[in-house]
Amino acid sequence: MALADRTYSFRAPAQFAERLLAAERAYRSLVRDPATAARITRELEIELQRGLRQGDERARVQGPLLRAVTGAFVTAVERAMGEELLVDELRAFDRADLDGDDERRALLQATTLGHDD
């Protein structure tokens, strides 16, 4: 039987289908950046090593093997998505005027301009 003619399946938590769909969508855009693509590849390798620790026994039963591979993909992409979100938040934090520096400068400048007679 050809591989294309065969159906493989495994049991997964109810939310897994949604996570897989989100990971598939995000993957396409995330891998456009070479640094992010490299992070996803590293995470995928780590997750595959964790998920395939059982060795040859798991390879004989396709369900657990496919779940490990699919789970590794989802986890790797989710981590990359989380890192991208964290980077965006850090950039926003850097842009934020948390201590009121801009306001103080504006007040100081207004005060200085007012006494320039």
PDB file of N, CA and C in Angstrom:
ATOM      1  N   MET A   1       0.848  -1.177   0.000  1.00  0.00           N
ATOM      2  CA  MET A   1       0.000   0.000   0.000  1.00  0.00           C
ATOM      3  C   MET A   1       0.895   1.242   0.000  1.00  0.00           C
ATOM      4  N   ALA A   2       0.637   2.155  -0.887  1.00  0.00           N
ATOM      5  CA  ALA A   2       1.432   3.387  -0.982  1.00  0.00           C
ATOM      6  C   ALA A   2       1.142   4.272   0.220  1.00  0.00           C
ATOM      7  N   LEU A   3       2.133   5.041   0.618  1.00  0.00           N
ATOM      8  CA  LEU A   3       1.992   5.916   1.774  1.00  0.00           C
ATOM      9  C   LEU A   3       0.845   6.898   1.591  1.00  0.00           C
ATOM     10  N   ALA A   4       0.644   7.410   0.389  1.00  0.00           N
ATOM     11  CA  ALA A   4      -0.421   8.374   0.132  1.00  0.00           C
ATOM     12  C   ALA A   4      -1.804   7.753   0.298  1.00  0.00           C
ATOM     13  N   ASP A   5      -1.906   6.431   0.205  1.00  0.00           N
ATOM     14  CA  ASP A   5      -3.190   5.754   0.299  1.00  0.00           C
ATOM     15  C   ASP A   5      -3.552   5.354   1.718  1.00  0.00           C
ATOM     16  N   ARG A   6      -2.699   5.615   2.648  1.00  0.00           N
ATOM     17  CA  ARG A   6      -2.904   5.149   4.008  1.00  0.00           C
ATOM     18  C   ARG A   6      -3.295   6.301   4.929  1.00  0.00           C
ATOM     19  N   THR A   7      -4.145   6.044   5.900  1.00  0.00           N
ATOM     20  CA  THR A   7      -4.561   7.051   6.872  1.00  0.00           C
ATOM     21  C   THR A   7      -3.910   6.734   8.210  1.00  0.00           C
ATOM     22  N   TYR A   8      -3.302   7.731   8.803  1.00  0.00           N
ATOM     23  CA  TYR A   8      -2.703   7.593  10.127  1.00  0.00           C
ATOM     24  C   TYR A   8      -3.462   8.498  11.082  1.00  0.00           C
ATOM     25  N   SER A   9      -3.606   8.060  12.315  1.00  0.00           N
ATOM     26  CA  SER A   9      -4.298   8.889  13.296  1.00  0.00           C
ATOM     27  C   SER A   9      -3.748   8.621  14.686  1.00  0.00           C
ATOM     28  N   PHE A  10      -4.084   9.515  15.607  1.00  0.00           N
ATOM     29  CA  PHE A  10      -3.686   9.359  16.999  1.00  0.00           C
ATOM     30  C   PHE A  10      -4.661  10.134  17.863  1.00  0.00           C
ATOM     31  N   ARG A  11      -4.699   9.786  19.118  1.00  0.00           N
ATOM     32  CA  ARG A  11      -5.546  10.491  20.066  1.00  0.00           C
ATOM     33  C   ARG A  11      -4.814  11.729  20.560  1.00  0.00           C
ATOM     34  N   ALA A  12      -5.576  12.819  20.713  1.00  0.00           N
ATOM     35  CA  ALA A  12      -4.986  14.072  21.184  1.00  0.00           C
ATOM     36  C   ALA A  12      -6.039  14.834  21.973  1.00  0.00           C
ATOM     37  N   PRO A  13      -5.619  15.775  22.813  1.00  0.00           N
ATOM     38  CA  PRO A  13      -6.581  16.598  23.558  1.00  0.00           C
ATOM     39  C   PRO A  13      -7.501  17.364  22.592  1.00  0.00           C
ATOM     40  N   ALA A  14      -8.655  17.749  23.073  1.00  0.00           N
ATOM     41  CA  ALA A  14      -9.654  18.415  22.233  1.00  0.00           C
ATOM     42  C   ALA A  14      -9.111  19.680  21.569  1.00  0.00           C
ATOM     43  N   GLN A  15      -8.295  20.460  22.269  1.00  0.00           N
ATOM     44  CA  GLN A  15      -7.789  21.730  21.725  1.00  0.00           C
ATOM     45  C   GLN A  15      -6.642  21.530  20.736  1.00  0.00           C
ATOM     46  N   PHE A  16      -6.154  20.319  20.603  1.00  0.00           N
ATOM     47  CA  PHE A  16      -4.972  20.089  19.785  1.00  0.00           C
ATOM     48  C   PHE A  16      -5.213  20.454  18.316  1.00  0.00           C
ATOM     49  N   ALA A  17      -6.388  20.164  17.803  1.00  0.00           N
ATOM     50  CA  ALA A  17      -6.683  20.490  16.404  1.00  0.00           C
ATOM     51  C   ALA A  17      -6.587  21.992  16.166  1.00  0.00           C
ATOM     52  N   GLU A  18      -7.101  22.782  17.104  1.00  0.00           N
ATOM     53  CA  GLU A  18      -7.021  24.243  16.985  1.00  0.00           C
ATOM     54  C   GLU A  18      -5.571  24.713  17.062  1.00  0.00           C
ATOM     55  N   ARG A  19      -4.812  24.141  17.975  1.00  0.00           N
ATOM     56  CA  ARG A  19      -3.402  24.510  18.107  1.00  0.00           C
ATOM     57  C   ARG A  19      -2.620  24.154  16.848  1.00  0.00           C
ATOM     58  N   LEU A  20      -2.909  22.990  16.276  1.00  0.00           N
ATOM     59  CA  LEU A  20      -2.225  22.563  15.060  1.00  0.00           C
ATOM     60  C   LEU A  20      -2.551  23.507  13.906  1.00  0.00           C
ATOM     61  N   LEU A  21      -3.806  23.858  13.755  1.00  0.00           N
ATOM     62  CA  LEU A  21      -4.211  24.778  12.690  1.00  0.00           C
ATOM     63  C   LEU A  21      -3.536  26.139  12.870  1.00  0.00           C
ATOM     64  N   ALA A  22      -3.513  26.647  14.093  1.00  0.00           N
ATOM     65  CA  ALA A  22      -2.856  27.933  14.363  1.00  0.00           C
ATOM     66  C   ALA A  22      -1.355  27.848  14.085  1.00  0.00           C
ATOM     67  N   ALA A  23      -0.741  26.736  14.452  1.00  0.00           N
ATOM     68  CA  ALA A  23       0.698  26.562  14.213  1.00  0.00           C
ATOM     69  C   ALA A  23       0.995  26.504  12.719  1.00  0.00           C
ATOM     70  N   GLU A  24       0.154  25.798  11.963  1.00  0.00           N
ATOM     71  CA  GLU A  24       0.342  25.724  10.510  1.00  0.00           C
ATOM     72  C   GLU A  24       0.260  27.111   9.880  1.00  0.00           C
ATOM     73  N   ARG A  25      -0.715  27.905  10.295  1.00  0.00           N
ATOM     74  CA  ARG A  25      -0.872  29.263   9.760  1.00  0.00           C
ATOM     75  C   ARG A  25       0.310  30.142  10.138  1.00  0.00           C
ATOM     76  N   ALA A  26       0.706  30.093  11.397  1.00  0.00           N
ATOM     77  CA  ALA A  26       1.801  30.945  11.875  1.00  0.00           C
ATOM     78  C   ALA A  26       3.138  30.548  11.262  1.00  0.00           C
ATOM     79  N   TYR A  27       3.327  29.270  11.054  1.00  0.00           N
ATOM     80  CA  TYR A  27       4.599  28.768  10.529  1.00  0.00           C
ATOM     81  C   TYR A  27       4.963  29.439   9.210  1.00  0.00           C
ATOM     82  N   ARG A  28       3.995  29.576   8.338  1.00  0.00           N
ATOM     83  CA  ARG A  28       4.249  30.170   7.015  1.00  0.00           C
ATOM     84  C   ARG A  28       4.850  31.568   7.132  1.00  0.00           C
ATOM     85  N   SER A  29       4.343  32.373   8.041  1.00  0.00           N
ATOM     86  CA  SER A  29       4.868  33.734   8.169  1.00  0.00           C
ATOM     87  C   SER A  29       6.133  33.781   9.028  1.00  0.00           C
ATOM     88  N   LEU A  30       6.203  32.931  10.038  1.00  0.00           N
ATOM     89  CA  LEU A  30       7.365  32.958  10.934  1.00  0.00           C
ATOM     90  C   LEU A  30       8.659  32.556  10.228  1.00  0.00           C
ATOM     91  N   VAL A  31       8.598  31.585   9.333  1.00  0.00           N
ATOM     92  CA  VAL A  31       9.821  31.096   8.705  1.00  0.00           C
ATOM     93  C   VAL A  31      10.367  32.036   7.639  1.00  0.00           C
ATOM     94  N   ARG A  32       9.660  33.106   7.364  1.00  0.00           N
ATOM     95  CA  ARG A  32      10.197  34.102   6.423  1.00  0.00           C
ATOM     96  C   ARG A  32      11.425  34.795   7.003  1.00  0.00           C
ATOM     97  N   ASP A  33      11.488  34.884   8.310  1.00  0.00           N
ATOM     98  CA  ASP A  33      12.648  35.471   8.983  1.00  0.00           C
ATOM     99  C   ASP A  33      13.643  34.351   9.277  1.00  0.00           C
ATOM    100  N   PRO A  34      14.868  34.429   8.730  1.00  0.00           N
ATOM    101  CA  PRO A  34      15.836  33.346   8.923  1.00  0.00           C
ATOM    102  C   PRO A  34      16.149  33.046  10.388  1.00  0.00           C
ATOM    103  N   ALA A  35      16.218  34.067  11.226  1.00  0.00           N
ATOM    104  CA  ALA A  35      16.521  33.837  12.645  1.00  0.00           C
ATOM    105  C   ALA A  35      15.379  33.077  13.319  1.00  0.00           C
ATOM    106  N   THR A  36      14.155  33.437  13.017  1.00  0.00           N
ATOM    107  CA  THR A  36      13.001  32.742  13.587  1.00  0.00           C
ATOM    108  C   THR A  36      12.916  31.320  13.047  1.00  0.00           C
ATOM    109  N   ALA A  37      13.192  31.138  11.759  1.00  0.00           N
ATOM    110  CA  ALA A  37      13.194  29.797  11.169  1.00  0.00           C
ATOM    111  C   ALA A  37      14.218  28.913  11.872  1.00  0.00           C
ATOM    112  N   ALA A  38      15.380  29.471  12.183  1.00  0.00           N
ATOM    113  CA  ALA A  38      16.417  28.707  12.884  1.00  0.00           C
ATOM    114  C   ALA A  38      15.964  28.344  14.296  1.00  0.00           C
ATOM    115  N   ARG A  39      15.277  29.270  14.984  1.00  0.00           N
ATOM    116  CA  ARG A  39      14.762  28.975  16.331  1.00  0.00           C
ATOM    117  C   ARG A  39      13.721  27.862  16.270  1.00  0.00           C
ATOM    118  N   ILE A  40      12.847  27.903  15.273  1.00  0.00           N
ATOM    119  CA  ILE A  40      11.830  26.858  15.137  1.00  0.00           C
ATOM    120  C   ILE A  40      12.508  25.517  14.889  1.00  0.00           C
ATOM    121  N   THR A  41      13.524  25.501  14.055  1.00  0.00           N
ATOM    122  CA  THR A  41      14.243  24.256  13.770  1.00  0.00           C
ATOM    123  C   THR A  41      14.877  23.702  15.036  1.00  0.00           C
ATOM    124  N   ARG A  42      15.518  24.555  15.832  1.00  0.00           N
ATOM    125  CA  ARG A  42      16.125  24.098  17.095  1.00  0.00           C
ATOM    126  C   ARG A  42      15.070  23.558  18.052  1.00  0.00           C
ATOM    127  N   GLU A  43      13.961  24.293  18.185  1.00  0.00           N
ATOM    128  CA  GLU A  43      12.886  23.842  19.074  1.00  0.00           C
ATOM    129  C   GLU A  43      12.301  22.518  18.589  1.00  0.00           C
ATOM    130  N   LEU A  44      12.159  22.371  17.291  1.00  0.00           N
ATOM    131  CA  LEU A  44      11.622  21.138  16.732  1.00  0.00           C
ATOM    132  C   LEU A  44      12.541  19.961  17.038  1.00  0.00           C
ATOM    133  N   GLU A  45      13.835  20.168  16.884  1.00  0.00           N
ATOM    134  CA  GLU A  45      14.790  19.108  17.204  1.00  0.00           C
ATOM    135  C   GLU A  45      14.719  18.712  18.671  1.00  0.00           C
ATOM    136  N   ILE A  46      14.629  19.702  19.547  1.00  0.00           N
ATOM    137  CA  ILE A  46      14.555  19.432  20.990  1.00  0.00           C
ATOM    138  C   ILE A  46      13.285  18.652  21.311  1.00  0.00           C
ATOM    139  N   GLU A  47      12.155  19.118  20.775  1.00  0.00           N
ATOM    140  CA  GLU A  47      10.877  18.463  21.053  1.00  0.00           C
ATOM    141  C   GLU A  47      10.825  17.053  20.463  1.00  0.00           C
ATOM    142  N   LEU A  48      11.415  16.856  19.299  1.00  0.00           N
ATOM    143  CA  LEU A  48      11.450  15.507  18.718  1.00  0.00           C
ATOM    144  C   LEU A  48      12.279  14.572  19.585  1.00  0.00           C
ATOM    145  N   GLN A  49      13.396  15.059  20.086  1.00  0.00           N
ATOM    146  CA  GLN A  49      14.208  14.219  20.973  1.00  0.00           C
ATOM    147  C   GLN A  49      13.436  13.848  22.227  1.00  0.00           C
ATOM    148  N   ARG A  50      12.703  14.806  22.792  1.00  0.00           N
ATOM    149  CA  ARG A  50      11.893  14.517  23.987  1.00  0.00           C
ATOM    150  C   ARG A  50      10.781  13.531  23.668  1.00  0.00           C
ATOM    151  N   GLY A  51      10.090  13.766  22.552  1.00  0.00           N
ATOM    152  CA  GLY A  51       8.926  12.959  22.221  1.00  0.00           C
ATOM    153  C   GLY A  51       9.251  11.563  21.723  1.00  0.00           C
ATOM    154  N   LEU A  52      10.450  11.348  21.230  1.00  0.00           N
ATOM    155  CA  LEU A  52      10.801  10.054  20.650  1.00  0.00           C
ATOM    156  C   LEU A  52      11.765   9.264  21.520  1.00  0.00           C
ATOM    157  N   ARG A  53      11.770   9.518  22.794  1.00  0.00           N
ATOM    158  CA  ARG A  53      12.699   8.832  23.709  1.00  0.00           C
ATOM    159  C   ARG A  53      12.467   7.328  23.793  1.00  0.00           C
ATOM    160  N   GLN A  54      11.276   6.873  23.486  1.00  0.00           N
ATOM    161  CA  GLN A  54      10.984   5.448  23.615  1.00  0.00           C
ATOM    162  C   GLN A  54      11.693   4.604  22.561  1.00  0.00           C
ATOM    163  N   GLY A  55      12.240   5.216  21.532  1.00  0.00           N
ATOM    164  CA  GLY A  55      13.049   4.498  20.549  1.00  0.00           C
ATOM    165  C   GLY A  55      12.249   3.630  19.611  1.00  0.00           C
ATOM    166  N   ASP A  56      12.761   2.429  19.349  1.00  0.00           N
ATOM    167  CA  ASP A  56      12.200   1.540  18.334  1.00  0.00           C
ATOM    168  C   ASP A  56      10.764   1.115  18.628  1.00  0.00           C
ATOM    169  N   GLU A  57      10.403   0.984  19.873  1.00  0.00           N
ATOM    170  CA  GLU A  57       9.050   0.538  20.221  1.00  0.00           C
ATOM    171  C   GLU A  57       8.006   1.500  19.660  1.00  0.00           C
ATOM    172  N   ARG A  58       8.242   2.792  19.784  1.00  0.00           N
ATOM    173  CA  ARG A  58       7.280   3.774  19.294  1.00  0.00           C
ATOM    174  C   ARG A  58       7.210   3.757  17.766  1.00  0.00           C
ATOM    175  N   ALA A  59       8.305   3.461  17.093  1.00  0.00           N
ATOM    176  CA  ALA A  59       8.328   3.450  15.630  1.00  0.00           C
ATOM    177  C   ALA A  59       7.426   2.353  15.066  1.00  0.00           C
ATOM    178  N   ARG A  60       7.180   1.299  15.824  1.00  0.00           N
ATOM    179  CA  ARG A  60       6.321   0.212  15.351  1.00  0.00           C
ATOM    180  C   ARG A  60       4.838   0.589  15.397  1.00  0.00           C
ATOM    181  N   VAL A  61       4.499   1.528  16.241  1.00  0.00           N
ATOM    182  CA  VAL A  61       3.116   1.964  16.396  1.00  0.00           C
ATOM    183  C   VAL A  61       3.033   3.406  15.895  1.00  0.00           C
ATOM    184  N   GLN A  62       2.389   3.590  14.751  1.00  0.00           N
ATOM    185  CA  GLN A  62       2.427   4.901  14.104  1.00  0.00           C
ATOM    186  C   GLN A  62       1.712   6.008  14.881  1.00  0.00           C
ATOM    187  N   GLY A  63       0.639   5.686  15.592  1.00  0.00           N
ATOM    188  CA  GLY A  63      -0.109   6.712  16.308  1.00  0.00           C
ATOM    189  C   GLY A  63       0.752   7.530  17.254  1.00  0.00           C
ATOM    190  N   PRO A  64       1.430   6.893  18.200  1.00  0.00           N
ATOM    191  CA  PRO A  64       2.280   7.661  19.114  1.00  0.00           C
ATOM    192  C   PRO A  64       3.423   8.386  18.401  1.00  0.00           C
ATOM    193  N   LEU A  65       3.973   7.774  17.359  1.00  0.00           N
ATOM    194  CA  LEU A  65       5.047   8.418  16.606  1.00  0.00           C
ATOM    195  C   LEU A  65       4.535   9.679  15.922  1.00  0.00           C
ATOM    196  N   LEU A  66       3.393   9.582  15.280  1.00  0.00           N
ATOM    197  CA  LEU A  66       2.825  10.752  14.607  1.00  0.00           C
ATOM    198  C   LEU A  66       2.426  11.827  15.606  1.00  0.00           C
ATOM    199  N   ARG A  67       1.929  11.400  16.740  1.00  0.00           N
ATOM    200  CA  ARG A  67       1.578  12.391  17.755  1.00  0.00           C
ATOM    201  C   ARG A  67       2.824  13.107  18.251  1.00  0.00           C
ATOM    202  N   ALA A  68       3.907  12.384  18.457  1.00  0.00           N
ATOM    203  CA  ALA A  68       5.157  13.002  18.911  1.00  0.00           C
ATOM    204  C   ALA A  68       5.677  14.009  17.883  1.00  0.00           C
ATOM    205  N   VAL A  69       5.653  13.634  16.624  1.00  0.00           N
ATOM    206  CA  VAL A  69       6.148  14.526  15.573  1.00  0.00           C
ATOM    207  C   VAL A  69       5.241  15.747  15.439  1.00  0.00           C
ATOM    208  N   THR A  70       3.933  15.523  15.408  1.00  0.00           N
ATOM    209  CA  THR A  70       2.992  16.633  15.278  1.00  0.00           C
ATOM    210  C   THR A  70       3.043  17.534  16.500  1.00  0.00           C
ATOM    211  N   GLY A  71       3.109  16.930  17.673  1.00  0.00           N
ATOM    212  CA  GLY A  71       3.223  17.714  18.906  1.00  0.00           C
ATOM    213  C   GLY A  71       4.495  18.531  18.945  1.00  0.00           C
ATOM    214  N   ALA A  72       5.581  17.969  18.451  1.00  0.00           N
ATOM    215  CA  ALA A  72       6.851  18.703  18.403  1.00  0.00           C
ATOM    216  C   ALA A  72       6.733  19.916  17.492  1.00  0.00           C
ATOM    217  N   PHE A  73       6.080  19.743  16.355  1.00  0.00           N
ATOM    218  CA  PHE A  73       5.877  20.861  15.430  1.00  0.00           C
ATOM    219  C   PHE A  73       5.065  21.965  16.091  1.00  0.00           C
ATOM    220  N   VAL A  74       3.935  21.600  16.699  1.00  0.00           N
ATOM    221  CA  VAL A  74       3.066  22.592  17.342  1.00  0.00           C
ATOM    222  C   VAL A  74       3.811  23.319  18.452  1.00  0.00           C
ATOM    223  N   THR A  75       4.507  22.593  19.303  1.00  0.00           N
ATOM    224  CA  THR A  75       5.237  23.203  20.415  1.00  0.00           C
ATOM    225  C   THR A  75       6.332  24.136  19.908  1.00  0.00           C
ATOM    226  N   ALA A  76       7.071  23.720  18.885  1.00  0.00           N
ATOM    227  CA  ALA A  76       8.147  24.552  18.344  1.00  0.00           C
ATOM    228  C   ALA A  76       7.606  25.862  17.790  1.00  0.00           C
ATOM    229  N   VAL A  77       6.518  25.799  17.048  1.00  0.00           N
ATOM    230  CA  VAL A  77       5.942  27.016  16.466  1.00  0.00           C
ATOM    231  C   VAL A  77       5.348  27.893  17.566  1.00  0.00           C
ATOM    232  N   GLU A  78       4.675  27.288  18.540  1.00  0.00           N
ATOM    233  CA  GLU A  78       4.105  28.080  19.640  1.00  0.00           C
ATOM    234  C   GLU A  78       5.199  28.808  20.415  1.00  0.00           C
ATOM    235  N   ARG A  79       6.312  28.155  20.638  1.00  0.00           N
ATOM    236  CA  ARG A  79       7.421  28.819  21.336  1.00  0.00           C
ATOM    237  C   ARG A  79       7.962  29.974  20.514  1.00  0.00           C
ATOM    238  N   ALA A  80       8.100  29.773  19.218  1.00  0.00           N
ATOM    239  CA  ALA A  80       8.574  30.857  18.349  1.00  0.00           C
ATOM    240  C   ALA A  80       7.580  32.017  18.353  1.00  0.00           C
ATOM    241  N   MET A  81       6.283  31.694  18.332  1.00  0.00           N
ATOM    242  CA  MET A  81       5.258  32.736  18.388  1.00  0.00           C
ATOM    243  C   MET A  81       5.361  33.500  19.708  1.00  0.00           C
ATOM    244  N   GLY A  82       5.581  32.770  20.792  1.00  0.00           N
ATOM    245  CA  GLY A  82       5.727  33.406  22.104  1.00  0.00           C
ATOM    246  C   GLY A  82       6.947  34.304  22.162  1.00  0.00           C
ATOM    247  N   GLU A  83       8.039  33.867  21.546  1.00  0.00           N
ATOM    248  CA  GLU A  83       9.247  34.686  21.521  1.00  0.00           C
ATOM    249  C   GLU A  83       9.021  35.949  20.699  1.00  0.00           C
ATOM    250  N   GLU A  84       8.326  35.822  19.576  1.00  0.00           N
ATOM    251  CA  GLU A  84       8.031  36.993  18.745  1.00  0.00           C
ATOM    252  C   GLU A  84       7.169  37.983  19.537  1.00  0.00           C
ATOM    253  N   LEU A  85       6.195  37.485  20.263  1.00  0.00           N
ATOM    254  CA  LEU A  85       5.337  38.342  21.076  1.00  0.00           C
ATOM    255  C   LEU A  85       6.156  39.030  22.154  1.00  0.00           C
ATOM    256  N   LEU A  86       7.048  38.295  22.800  1.00  0.00           N
ATOM    257  CA  LEU A  86       7.896  38.876  23.834  1.00  0.00           C
ATOM    258  C   LEU A  86       8.792  39.969  23.260  1.00  0.00           C
ATOM    259  N   VAL A  87       9.368  39.741  22.093  1.00  0.00           N
ATOM    260  CA  VAL A  87      10.216  40.752  21.449  1.00  0.00           C
ATOM    261  C   VAL A  87       9.392  42.001  21.153  1.00  0.00           C
ATOM    262  N   ASP A  88       8.178  41.823  20.636  1.00  0.00           N
ATOM    263  CA  ASP A  88       7.304  42.966  20.362  1.00  0.00           C
ATOM    264  C   ASP A  88       6.983  43.732  21.642  1.00  0.00           C
ATOM    265  N   GLU A  89       6.712  43.010  22.726  1.00  0.00           N
ATOM    266  CA  GLU A  89       6.410  43.661  24.003  1.00  0.00           C
ATOM    267  C   GLU A  89       7.618  44.416  24.537  1.00  0.00           C
ATOM    268  N   LEU A  90       8.802  43.845  24.385  1.00  0.00           N
ATOM    269  CA  LEU A  90      10.019  44.542  24.834  1.00  0.00           C
ATOM    270  C   LEU A  90      10.260  45.807  24.019  1.00  0.00           C
ATOM    271  N   ARG A  91      10.005  45.737  22.731  1.00  0.00           N
ATOM    272  CA  ARG A  91      10.151  46.940  21.890  1.00  0.00           C
ATOM    273  C   ARG A  91       9.154  48.008  22.321  1.00  0.00           C
ATOM    274  N   ALA A  92       7.924  47.606  22.593  1.00  0.00           N
ATOM    275  CA  ALA A  92       6.906  48.556  23.055  1.00  0.00           C
ATOM    276  C   ALA A  92       7.303  49.152  24.400  1.00  0.00           C
ATOM    277  N   PHE A  93       7.864  48.325  25.266  1.00  0.00           N
ATOM    278  CA  PHE A  93       8.320  48.809  26.575  1.00  0.00           C
ATOM    279  C   PHE A  93       9.423  49.854  26.403  1.00  0.00           C
ATOM    280  N   ASP A  94      10.353  49.589  25.483  1.00  0.00           N
ATOM    281  CA  ASP A  94      11.426  50.547  25.232  1.00  0.00           C
ATOM    282  C   ASP A  94      10.889  51.874  24.715  1.00  0.00           C
ATOM    283  N   ARG A  95       9.814  51.817  23.923  1.00  0.00           N
ATOM    284  CA  ARG A  95       9.239  53.041  23.372  1.00  0.00           C
ATOM    285  C   ARG A  95       8.386  53.787  24.395  1.00  0.00           C
ATOM    286  N   ALA A  96       7.918  53.095  25.409  1.00  0.00           N
ATOM    287  CA  ALA A  96       7.019  53.711  26.394  1.00  0.00           C
ATOM    288  C   ALA A  96       7.780  54.710  27.262  1.00  0.00           C
ATOM    289  N   ASP A  97       7.097  55.780  27.615  1.00  0.00           N
ATOM    290  CA  ASP A  97       7.675  56.812  28.477  1.00  0.00           C
ATOM    291  C   ASP A  97       7.202  56.552  29.904  1.00  0.00           C
ATOM    292  N   LEU A  98       7.768  55.510  30.523  1.00  0.00           N
ATOM    293  CA  LEU A  98       7.279  55.074  31.825  1.00  0.00           C
ATOM    294  C   LEU A  98       7.594  56.052  32.950  1.00  0.00           C
ATOM    295  N   ASP A  99       8.682  56.755  32.860  1.00  0.00           N
ATOM    296  CA  ASP A  99       9.077  57.654  33.947  1.00  0.00           C
ATOM    297  C   ASP A  99       8.683  59.099  33.685  1.00  0.00           C
ATOM    298  N   GLY A 100       7.993  59.354  32.596  1.00  0.00           N
ATOM    299  CA  GLY A 100       7.568  60.719  32.308  1.00  0.00           C
ATOM    300  C   GLY A 100       8.691  61.611  31.822  1.00  0.00           C
ATOM    301  N   ASP A 101       9.765  61.030  31.272  1.00  0.00           N
ATOM    302  CA  ASP A 101      10.903  61.832  30.806  1.00  0.00           C
ATOM    303  C   ASP A 101      10.487  62.853  29.758  1.00  0.00           C
ATOM    304  N   ASP A 102       9.666  62.442  28.806  1.00  0.00           N
ATOM    305  CA  ASP A 102       9.235  63.366  27.759  1.00  0.00           C
ATOM    306  C   ASP A 102       8.440  64.526  28.351  1.00  0.00           C
ATOM    307  N   GLU A 103       7.582  64.206  29.305  1.00  0.00           N
ATOM    308  CA  GLU A 103       6.771  65.263  29.934  1.00  0.00           C
ATOM    309  C   GLU A 103       7.656  66.240  30.699  1.00  0.00           C
ATOM    310  N   ARG A 104       8.637  65.713  31.452  1.00  0.00           N
ATOM    311  CA  ARG A 104       9.548  66.587  32.202  1.00  0.00           C
ATOM    312  C   ARG A 104      10.374  67.479  31.263  1.00  0.00           C
ATOM    313  N   ARG A 105      10.848  66.882  30.177  1.00  0.00           N
ATOM    314  CA  ARG A 105      11.613  67.680  29.203  1.00  0.00           C
ATOM    315  C   ARG A 105      10.762  68.798  28.618  1.00  0.00           C
ATOM    316  N   ALA A 106       9.509  68.478  28.274  1.00  0.00           N
ATOM    317  CA  ALA A 106       8.609  69.484  27.710  1.00  0.00           C
ATOM    318  C   ALA A 106       8.350  70.606  28.714  1.00  0.00           C
ATOM    319  N   LEU A 107       8.126  70.251  29.978  1.00  0.00           N
ATOM    320  CA  LEU A 107       7.905  71.267  31.012  1.00  0.00           C
ATOM    321  C   LEU A 107       9.145  72.120  31.226  1.00  0.00           C
ATOM    322  N   LEU A 108      10.304  71.465  31.248  1.00  0.00           N
ATOM    323  CA  LEU A 108      11.555  72.198  31.421  1.00  0.00           C
ATOM    324  C   LEU A 108      11.791  73.146  30.251  1.00  0.00           C
ATOM    325  N   GLN A 109      11.528  72.672  29.059  1.00  0.00           N
ATOM    326  CA  GLN A 109      11.705  73.503  27.876  1.00  0.00           C
ATOM    327  C   GLN A 109      10.731  74.670  27.900  1.00  0.00           C
ATOM    328  N   ALA A 110       9.469  74.408  28.283  1.00  0.00           N
ATOM    329  CA  ALA A 110       8.464  75.480  28.367  1.00  0.00           C
ATOM    330  C   ALA A 110       8.877  76.494  29.424  1.00  0.00           C
ATOM    331  N   THR A 111       9.396  76.033  30.556  1.00  0.00           N
ATOM    332  CA  THR A 111       9.838  76.926  31.624  1.00  0.00           C
ATOM    333  C   THR A 111      11.024  77.752  31.169  1.00  0.00           C
ATOM    334  N   THR A 112      11.948  77.108  30.491  1.00  0.00           N
ATOM    335  CA  THR A 112      13.136  77.813  30.002  1.00  0.00           C
ATOM    336  C   THR A 112      12.749  78.832  28.952  1.00  0.00           C
ATOM    337  N   LEU A 113      11.856  78.519  28.075  1.00  0.00           N
ATOM    338  CA  LEU A 113      11.417  79.448  27.032  1.00  0.00           C
ATOM    339  C   LEU A 113      10.686  80.639  27.632  1.00  0.00           C
ATOM    340  N   GLY A 114       9.953  80.419  28.728  1.00  0.00           N
ATOM    341  CA  GLY A 114       9.208  81.483  29.382  1.00  0.00           C
ATOM    342  C   GLY A 114      10.105  82.490  30.079  1.00  0.00           C
ATOM    343  N   HIS A 115      11.313  82.129  30.473  1.00  0.00           N
ATOM    344  CA  HIS A 115      12.241  83.011  31.183  1.00  0.00           C
ATOM    345  C   HIS A 115      13.378  83.490  30.289  1.00  0.00           C
ATOM    346  N   ASP A 116      13.176  83.472  29.014  1.00  0.00           N
ATOM    347  CA  ASP A 116      14.234  83.818  28.081  1.00  0.00           C
ATOM    348  C   ASP A 116      14.275  85.301  27.799  1.00  0.00           C
ATOM    349  N   ASP A 117      13.586  86.155  28.538  1.00  0.00           N
ATOM    350  CA  ASP A 117      13.475  87.600  28.291  1.00  0.00           C
ATOM    351  C   ASP A 117      14.792  88.228  28.254  1.00  0.00           C
TER     352      ASP A 117
END
